[in-house]
Amino acid sequence: AMKQQGVMEDRLQLLVDVTGAFRPGVLTALVGVSGAGKTTLMDVLAGRKTGGYIEGNISISGYPKNQETFTRISGYCEQNDVHSPCMTVYESLVYSAWLRLPAHVDLRTQQ
């Protein structure tokens, strides 16, 4: 079907010439129209894309992204996650840390 539309490659490029920067310590929202590629971009950045091809560079503070480090320093709340309207963003993040981190990690470190 794609070749009938003039696309000669067997691969579909979902993101084209995407650049961006996120400031440390600043909550950032990614917004756009339906189908713009927001979820695809976030899945690539979060390392959740398990199929297809990923080409290009992802840098954190000018260094190539290390997935293990990135997972520790970032949070990804998906649109279908359940969020309590009675909790602040901070409280939600601390709660998430409490659920994810090993039991020996004290509350101060989690915060």
Protein backbone atom coordinates (compact mmCIF):
# COMPACT_ATOMS: atom_id res chain seq x y z
CA ALA A 1 0.00 0.00 0.00
CA MET A 2 2.85 2.40 0.80
CA LYS A 3 4.52 1.76 -2.57
CA GLN A 4 1.26 2.66 -4.29
CA GLN A 5 1.47 6.02 -2.48
CA GLY A 6 4.97 6.67 -3.88
CA VAL A 7 6.95 5.50 -0.84
CA MET A 8 9.62 3.22 -2.25
CA GLU A 9 11.36 2.22 0.99
CA ASP A 10 10.17 -0.67 3.13
CA ARG A 11 10.63 1.49 6.22
CA LEU A 12 8.33 4.28 7.35
CA GLN A 13 10.09 7.26 8.92
CA LEU A 14 7.99 8.36 11.88
CA LEU A 15 10.11 11.26 13.14
CA VAL A 16 11.93 13.67 10.83
CA ASP A 17 14.53 16.26 11.88
CA VAL A 18 13.49 16.40 15.52
CA THR A 19 15.59 18.55 17.83
CA GLY A 20 14.91 19.82 21.30
CA ALA A 21 16.30 20.62 24.70
CA PHE A 22 14.97 20.09 28.19
CA ARG A 23 16.22 22.16 31.11
CA PRO A 24 17.29 20.29 34.25
CA GLY A 25 14.87 20.57 37.15
CA VAL A 26 12.08 21.96 34.98
CA LEU A 27 8.86 20.03 34.46
CA THR A 28 8.29 19.90 30.72
CA ALA A 29 5.09 19.13 28.83
CA LEU A 30 5.17 17.91 25.24
CA VAL A 31 2.07 19.06 23.39
CA GLY A 32 0.84 18.77 19.82
CA VAL A 33 -2.01 17.63 17.65
CA SER A 34 -3.07 14.00 17.49
CA GLY A 35 -0.68 12.01 15.30
CA ALA A 36 2.15 14.55 15.55
CA GLY A 37 4.54 11.94 16.99
CA LYS A 38 4.57 12.94 20.66
CA THR A 39 4.24 9.39 21.98
CA THR A 40 6.70 8.06 19.41
CA LEU A 41 9.26 10.70 20.41
CA MET A 42 8.80 10.02 24.11
CA ASP A 43 9.03 6.25 23.57
CA VAL A 44 12.31 6.71 21.68
CA LEU A 45 13.73 9.04 24.34
CA ALA A 46 12.62 6.74 27.16
CA GLY A 47 14.08 3.67 25.46
CA ARG A 48 10.68 2.02 25.19
CA LYS A 49 10.72 1.50 21.42
CA THR A 50 11.49 -2.18 20.93
CA GLY A 51 10.96 -2.49 17.19
CA GLY A 52 11.93 -0.57 14.11
CA TYR A 53 15.00 1.54 13.51
CA ILE A 54 16.30 4.44 15.54
CA GLU A 55 18.81 6.67 13.80
CA GLY A 56 20.43 9.85 14.98
CA ASN A 57 21.90 11.10 18.22
CA ILE A 58 20.37 11.54 21.64
CA SER A 59 22.54 13.54 24.04
CA ILE A 60 22.15 14.34 27.72
CA SER A 61 24.14 17.42 28.78
CA GLY A 62 26.19 17.04 25.61
CA TYR A 63 27.05 13.37 26.22
CA PRO A 64 25.60 10.38 24.35
CA LYS A 65 22.54 9.06 26.20
CA ASN A 66 23.20 6.07 28.45
CA GLN A 67 19.85 4.31 28.92
CA GLU A 68 20.59 3.07 32.44
CA THR A 69 21.55 6.55 33.63
CA PHE A 70 18.66 8.18 31.78
CA THR A 71 16.17 5.85 33.43
CA ARG A 72 17.46 6.90 36.85
CA ILE A 73 17.29 10.66 36.21
CA SER A 74 14.03 10.94 34.28
CA GLY A 75 10.36 10.20 34.69
CA TYR A 76 7.81 9.42 32.02
CA CYS A 77 4.11 9.72 32.78
CA GLU A 78 2.08 8.30 29.94
CA GLN A 79 -1.28 9.71 28.97
CA ASN A 80 -3.08 6.57 30.13
CA ASP A 81 -1.36 6.41 33.53
CA VAL A 82 -3.68 6.80 36.49
CA HIS A 83 -3.01 10.08 38.29
CA SER A 84 -4.75 11.18 41.47
CA PRO A 85 -6.33 14.63 41.27
CA CYS A 86 -5.69 14.95 45.01
CA MET A 87 -1.90 14.73 44.72
CA THR A 88 0.61 17.32 43.55
CA VAL A 89 3.12 16.46 40.83
CA TYR A 90 5.81 16.23 43.52
CA GLU A 91 3.72 13.86 45.64
CA SER A 92 3.03 11.71 42.58
CA LEU A 93 6.74 11.50 41.78
CA VAL A 94 7.67 10.59 45.37
CA TYR A 95 4.96 7.93 45.38
CA SER A 96 6.28 6.54 42.09
CA ALA A 97 9.80 6.47 43.54
CA TRP A 98 8.51 4.66 46.62
CA LEU A 99 6.90 2.00 44.42
CA ARG A 100 9.89 1.54 42.11
CA LEU A 101 12.94 1.81 44.34
CA PRO A 102 14.24 -1.04 46.50
CA ALA A 103 12.95 -1.18 50.07
CA HIS A 104 16.37 -0.29 51.55
CA VAL A 105 16.32 3.19 49.93
CA ASP A 106 15.26 5.66 52.63
CA LEU A 107 12.54 8.26 52.11
CA ARG A 108 15.01 11.18 52.07
CA THR A 109 16.91 9.61 49.16
CA GLN A 110 13.65 8.89 47.34
CA GLN A 111 12.68 12.54 47.63
